[in-house]
Amino acid sequence: MQNQPSNIDLHVHTTASDGELDPARLVALAADSGVSTLAITDHDSMAGLAEAGRVSAERGLSLIAGVEVSSRWSNMDIHIVGLGVNTGDERFQGRLQSQMDRRWERARIMAQRLARLGYPGMLERAAEGAPQGIPARPHFAEALVQAGACKDRKQAFQRYLAQSKPAYVKTEWPEISEAVRWIREARGVAVLAHPGRYKLTRTKLERLICMFAESGGQALEVCVATHGPEMVRQLADLAVKYNLYASQGSDYHGPSMRWVQLGKMPPLPSTCRSVLELLPLEK
């Protein structure tokens, strides 16, 4: 079960979060790659949707308003994709702003810790290349490399930024049930993002999916570019067991990740119901 071209990609990122391409270039590339239905799902942000919408209309591509909301479960960061969210919902936009505030506070504390370790000015340096000026760990890693503190990003994480290292800061994200509620109250479909990437045992993965379903979650990302055949089969079975729809997305971030391409992922198993059944599609 190899990654195959698909005209549907329901999980991609732009420069509005941690993607490499701006929304216009991403939509154009998706259209050129044969994708006809696309969901832009930036982290805790819908800032790229207006620009993407203009280009998708020109290229005849169906664009789904999406977002990837950060949440916590069992001391882990878990991402919940919202598809078909009402972009005009002011309450939801306020909730996304609270997520950005959390990101900014985390960045500020990380910079303070790096300053105490002998690297002042990291917040300003890291913010230069960060979306909306709010740096995350990869931006701090690059700042440390530029400052000559580390030879590469990997070393920056190993020394300072990885979990349990001196500059690591945990973000107090909302619980999964709250993130699901936000999405559903904004008339979106709540999808558990890339479940196979959380490095969970089979038992704990099922616990996560069961809790997600009980919280009102509606779909699993069964087919992701980085999900292998066994994981796809396992997730398809769990989707059926917990009466969840199935979603598919590349989780494309840009051309530097050559192993992930727009519209390329394992095919959706025939036992699954596509999440598109829950989404009104318009060009």
Protein backbone atom coordinates (compact mmCIF):
# COMPACT_ATOMS: atom_id res chain seq x y z
CA MET A 1 0.00 0.00 0.00
CA GLN A 2 2.17 2.83 -1.27
CA ASN A 3 1.40 6.52 -1.38
CA GLN A 4 -0.71 7.20 -4.44
CA PRO A 5 -1.86 10.40 -6.16
CA SER A 6 -5.22 11.63 -4.92
CA ASN A 7 -7.36 14.59 -5.93
CA ILE A 8 -8.21 15.13 -2.23
CA ASP A 9 -5.81 16.53 0.39
CA LEU A 10 -7.36 17.59 3.69
CA HIS A 11 -4.26 18.50 5.71
CA VAL A 12 -1.67 21.02 4.48
CA HIS A 13 0.22 23.99 5.93
CA THR A 14 1.21 27.44 4.68
CA THR A 15 3.40 30.27 5.96
CA ALA A 16 0.46 31.26 8.17
CA SER A 17 1.89 28.62 10.53
CA ASP A 18 4.92 26.39 9.91
CA GLY A 19 4.63 25.78 6.17
CA GLU A 20 7.22 26.92 3.63
CA LEU A 21 4.89 28.22 0.89
CA ASP A 22 2.53 31.16 1.10
CA PRO A 23 -1.16 30.34 0.59
CA ALA A 24 -1.25 31.46 -3.05
CA ARG A 25 1.77 29.35 -4.05
CA LEU A 26 0.49 26.36 -2.12
CA VAL A 27 -2.93 26.41 -3.80
CA ALA A 28 -1.33 26.82 -7.23
CA LEU A 29 1.01 23.89 -6.56
CA ALA A 30 -1.91 21.77 -5.36
CA ALA A 31 -3.85 22.49 -8.53
CA ASP A 32 -0.79 21.71 -10.66
CA SER A 33 -0.40 18.43 -8.72
CA GLY A 34 -3.93 17.33 -9.61
CA VAL A 35 -5.56 18.13 -6.26
CA SER A 36 -9.15 19.32 -6.73
CA THR A 37 -10.29 19.42 -3.07
CA LEU A 38 -7.92 21.01 -0.56
CA ALA A 39 -8.12 21.91 3.12
CA ILE A 40 -5.59 24.38 4.49
CA THR A 41 -5.09 23.46 8.14
CA ASP A 42 -2.55 25.81 9.71
CA HIS A 43 -1.71 25.48 13.38
CA ASP A 44 -4.18 27.52 15.48
CA SER A 45 -4.58 30.00 12.63
CA MET A 46 -6.90 30.68 9.71
CA ALA A 47 -4.90 33.68 8.52
CA GLY A 48 -4.03 32.14 5.16
CA LEU A 49 -7.55 31.29 4.04
CA ALA A 50 -8.54 34.58 2.41
CA GLU A 51 -5.54 34.58 0.08
CA ALA A 52 -5.96 30.87 -0.61
CA GLY A 53 -9.62 31.41 -1.43
CA ARG A 54 -8.85 33.95 -4.13
CA VAL A 55 -6.41 31.62 -5.89
CA SER A 56 -8.60 28.53 -5.50
CA ALA A 57 -11.47 30.37 -7.20
CA GLU A 58 -9.18 31.24 -10.13
CA ARG A 59 -7.94 27.65 -10.43
CA GLY A 60 -11.32 25.94 -9.98
CA LEU A 61 -10.23 24.13 -6.84
CA SER A 62 -12.62 23.38 -3.94
CA LEU A 63 -11.12 24.90 -0.81
CA ILE A 64 -12.23 23.75 2.64
CA ALA A 65 -11.72 26.17 5.51
CA GLY A 66 -9.56 24.30 7.99
CA VAL A 67 -7.39 24.70 11.06
CA GLU A 68 -5.27 22.42 13.26
CA VAL A 69 -5.99 23.08 16.93
CA SER A 70 -3.38 22.19 19.54
CA SER A 71 -4.60 20.27 22.59
CA ARG A 72 -3.34 18.04 25.40
CA TRP A 73 -4.07 14.48 26.46
CA SER A 74 -2.15 12.25 28.87
CA ASN A 75 0.71 14.79 29.02
CA MET A 76 1.06 14.76 25.21
CA ASP A 77 0.41 17.36 22.54
CA ILE A 78 -2.47 16.11 20.37
CA HIS A 79 -3.68 17.93 17.26
CA ILE A 80 -7.32 18.20 16.24
CA VAL A 81 -8.07 19.29 12.67
CA GLY A 82 -11.22 21.31 12.13
CA LEU A 83 -12.72 21.04 8.62
CA GLY A 84 -15.43 23.28 7.22
CA VAL A 85 -15.15 25.72 10.13
CA ASN A 86 -17.16 28.94 9.92
CA THR A 87 -14.49 31.58 9.30
CA GLY A 88 -16.83 34.34 10.44
CA ASP A 89 -17.34 32.87 13.91
CA GLU A 90 -15.92 35.58 16.17
CA ARG A 91 -15.93 33.36 19.26
CA PHE A 92 -13.85 30.74 17.47
CA GLN A 93 -11.44 33.38 16.20
CA GLY A 94 -11.07 34.61 19.77
CA ARG A 95 -10.27 31.07 20.90
CA LEU A 96 -7.59 30.80 18.21
CA GLN A 97 -6.15 34.09 19.44
CA SER A 98 -5.93 32.58 22.93
CA GLN A 99 -3.87 29.77 21.38
CA MET A 100 -1.54 32.34 19.84
CA ASP A 101 -1.24 34.05 23.22
CA ARG A 102 -0.16 30.72 24.70
CA ARG A 103 2.41 30.34 21.94
CA TRP A 104 3.78 33.83 22.59
CA GLU A 105 4.06 33.25 26.35
CA ARG A 106 5.90 29.99 25.72
CA ALA A 107 8.34 31.74 23.36
CA ARG A 108 8.98 34.47 25.93
CA ILE A 109 9.83 31.96 28.66
CA MET A 110 12.04 29.93 26.32
CA ALA A 111 13.97 33.09 25.47
CA GLN A 112 14.41 33.89 29.16
CA ARG A 113 15.83 30.44 29.80
CA LEU A 114 18.21 30.70 26.85
CA ALA A 115 19.36 34.10 28.11
CA ARG A 116 20.19 32.56 31.51
CA LEU A 117 22.19 29.91 29.64
CA GLY A 118 24.27 32.65 28.03
CA TYR A 119 22.33 33.33 24.82
CA PRO A 120 20.55 36.70 25.08
CA GLY A 121 18.46 38.21 22.28
CA MET A 122 17.12 34.88 21.04
CA LEU A 123 13.48 36.01 21.06
CA GLU A 124 14.05 38.80 18.56
CA ARG A 125 16.32 36.66 16.37
CA ALA A 126 13.89 33.72 16.36
CA ALA A 127 10.87 35.94 15.68
CA GLU A 128 12.35 37.24 12.42
CA GLY A 129 11.43 34.13 10.45
CA ALA A 130 8.40 33.04 12.44
CA PRO A 131 4.77 33.20 11.25
CA GLN A 132 3.00 36.19 12.80
CA GLY A 133 6.26 36.92 14.65
CA ILE A 134 5.63 34.11 17.18
CA PRO A 135 8.59 31.71 17.20
CA ALA A 136 8.37 28.01 17.98
CA ARG A 137 11.19 25.62 18.83
CA PRO A 138 12.45 25.25 15.21
CA HIS A 139 12.87 29.03 15.01
CA PHE A 140 14.83 29.09 18.27
CA ALA A 141 16.93 26.21 16.97
CA GLU A 142 17.77 28.18 13.84
CA ALA A 143 18.55 31.24 15.96
CA LEU A 144 20.98 29.21 18.06
CA VAL A 145 22.69 27.96 14.89
CA GLN A 146 22.98 31.50 13.53
CA ALA A 147 24.45 32.64 16.85
CA GLY A 148 27.11 29.93 16.65
CA ALA A 149 25.83 28.17 19.75
CA CYS A 150 25.07 24.93 17.88
CA LYS A 151 26.29 23.39 14.65
CA ASP A 152 22.79 22.52 13.42
CA ARG A 153 19.13 22.37 14.48
CA LYS A 154 19.44 18.78 15.65
CA GLN A 155 22.14 19.73 18.13
CA ALA A 156 20.08 22.71 19.31
CA PHE A 157 17.21 20.39 20.16
CA GLN A 158 19.49 17.82 21.78
CA ARG A 159 21.19 20.40 24.01
CA TYR A 160 18.46 22.92 24.79
CA LEU A 161 15.02 22.52 23.21
CA ALA A 162 13.90 18.90 23.38
CA GLN A 163 11.61 17.76 26.18
CA SER A 164 13.47 17.68 29.55
CA LYS A 165 16.24 19.96 28.19
CA PRO A 166 16.93 23.31 29.93
CA ALA A 167 15.06 25.61 27.52
CA TYR A 168 12.05 23.36 26.92
CA VAL A 169 8.71 24.83 27.97
CA LYS A 170 5.47 22.87 28.01
CA THR A 171 2.44 24.71 26.64
CA GLU A 172 -0.80 24.43 28.61
CA TRP A 173 -3.06 23.62 25.68
CA PRO A 174 -6.78 22.93 26.19
CA GLU A 175 -7.94 19.38 26.71
CA ILE A 176 -9.05 17.41 23.63
CA SER A 177 -12.70 17.62 24.64
CA GLU A 178 -12.47 21.40 24.73
CA ALA A 179 -10.75 21.63 21.34
CA VAL A 180 -13.43 19.38 19.83
CA ARG A 181 -16.15 21.56 21.37
CA TRP A 182 -14.59 24.73 19.90
CA ILE A 183 -14.57 23.22 16.41
CA ARG A 184 -18.09 21.85 16.57
CA GLU A 185 -19.51 25.08 17.98
CA ALA A 186 -17.98 26.81 14.93
CA ARG A 187 -19.89 24.33 12.71
CA GLY A 188 -16.75 22.42 11.80
CA VAL A 189 -15.96 18.70 11.69
CA ALA A 190 -13.46 17.57 14.35
CA VAL A 191 -10.78 15.18 13.05
CA LEU A 192 -8.05 13.51 15.09
CA ALA A 193 -4.87 14.38 13.21
CA HIS A 194 -2.21 11.80 12.24
CA PRO A 195 -2.96 9.30 15.06
CA GLY A 196 -0.14 7.03 13.94
CA ARG A 197 2.47 9.65 14.72
CA TYR A 198 2.01 9.81 18.47
CA LYS A 199 4.18 6.77 19.25
CA LEU A 200 1.51 5.09 21.35
CA THR A 201 1.01 1.42 22.09
CA ARG A 202 -2.02 -0.18 20.43
CA THR A 203 -3.88 -0.10 23.73
CA LYS A 204 -3.16 3.55 24.43
CA LEU A 205 -3.92 4.56 20.84
CA GLU A 206 -7.34 2.95 21.17
CA ARG A 207 -7.88 4.73 24.48
CA LEU A 208 -7.12 8.04 22.76
CA ILE A 209 -9.53 7.32 19.89
CA CYS A 210 -12.26 6.11 22.25
CA MET A 211 -11.95 9.27 24.35
CA PHE A 212 -11.92 11.44 21.21
CA ALA A 213 -15.14 9.81 19.98
CA GLU A 214 -16.79 10.15 23.38
CA SER A 215 -15.86 13.86 23.35
CA GLY A 216 -17.78 14.42 20.12
CA GLY A 217 -14.95 13.85 17.64
CA GLN A 218 -16.22 12.85 14.22
CA ALA A 219 -13.33 11.52 12.12
CA LEU A 220 -9.82 10.05 12.13
CA GLU A 221 -7.01 10.85 9.74
CA VAL A 222 -6.66 7.27 8.54
CA CYS A 223 -4.50 8.03 5.51
CA VAL A 224 -1.51 10.33 5.99
CA ALA A 225 1.66 10.40 3.90
CA THR A 226 3.71 9.06 6.82
CA HIS A 227 1.28 6.27 7.83
CA GLY A 228 2.44 2.81 6.81
CA PRO A 229 0.12 0.02 5.57
CA GLU A 230 -0.30 -1.63 8.97
CA MET A 231 -1.15 1.67 10.65
CA VAL A 232 -3.70 2.48 7.93
CA ARG A 233 -5.39 -0.89 8.47
CA GLN A 234 -5.38 -0.46 12.24
CA LEU A 235 -6.87 3.04 12.05
CA ALA A 236 -9.48 1.96 9.51
CA ASP A 237 -10.61 -0.79 11.89
CA LEU A 238 -10.76 1.67 14.81
CA ALA A 239 -12.72 4.17 12.74
CA VAL A 240 -15.31 1.50 12.05
CA LYS A 241 -15.33 0.31 15.67
CA TYR A 242 -15.96 3.80 17.06
CA ASN A 243 -18.31 4.92 14.28
CA LEU A 244 -15.95 7.60 13.02
CA TYR A 245 -15.51 8.92 9.50
CA ALA A 246 -12.10 8.75 7.80
CA SER A 247 -10.01 11.63 6.55
CA GLN A 248 -6.95 11.77 4.33
CA GLY A 249 -4.19 14.34 4.11
CA SER A 250 -0.54 14.62 3.24
CA ASP A 251 0.37 16.98 6.13
CA TYR A 252 2.45 18.81 3.53
CA HIS A 253 4.71 21.56 4.91
CA GLY A 254 6.86 22.41 1.91
CA PRO A 255 9.39 21.20 -0.66
CA SER A 256 12.18 20.63 1.86
CA MET A 257 10.24 17.61 3.17
CA ARG A 258 10.77 15.63 -0.03
CA TRP A 259 9.19 12.47 1.38
CA VAL A 260 5.79 14.26 1.68
CA GLN A 261 4.07 15.52 -1.47
CA LEU A 262 0.75 17.21 -2.03
CA GLY A 263 -2.07 14.79 -2.70
CA LYS A 264 0.06 11.67 -2.14
CA MET A 265 -0.95 9.28 0.62
CA PRO A 266 -2.18 5.70 1.04
CA PRO A 267 -5.62 5.06 -0.49
CA LEU A 268 -8.65 5.19 1.79
CA PRO A 269 -9.73 1.62 2.70
CA SER A 270 -13.10 0.56 1.31
CA THR A 271 -14.43 -0.09 4.83
CA CYS A 272 -14.20 3.63 5.66
CA ARG A 273 -16.72 6.41 5.22
CA SER A 274 -15.08 9.54 3.86
CA VAL A 275 -15.26 12.67 5.99
CA LEU A 276 -16.30 14.50 2.81
CA GLU A 277 -19.78 13.10 3.41
CA LEU A 278 -20.03 15.58 6.29
CA LEU A 279 -18.77 18.56 4.30
CA PRO A 280 -20.70 20.64 1.74
CA LEU A 281 -18.21 21.30 -1.06
CA GLU A 282 -18.32 24.43 -3.16
CA LYS A 283 -15.95 25.77 -5.77
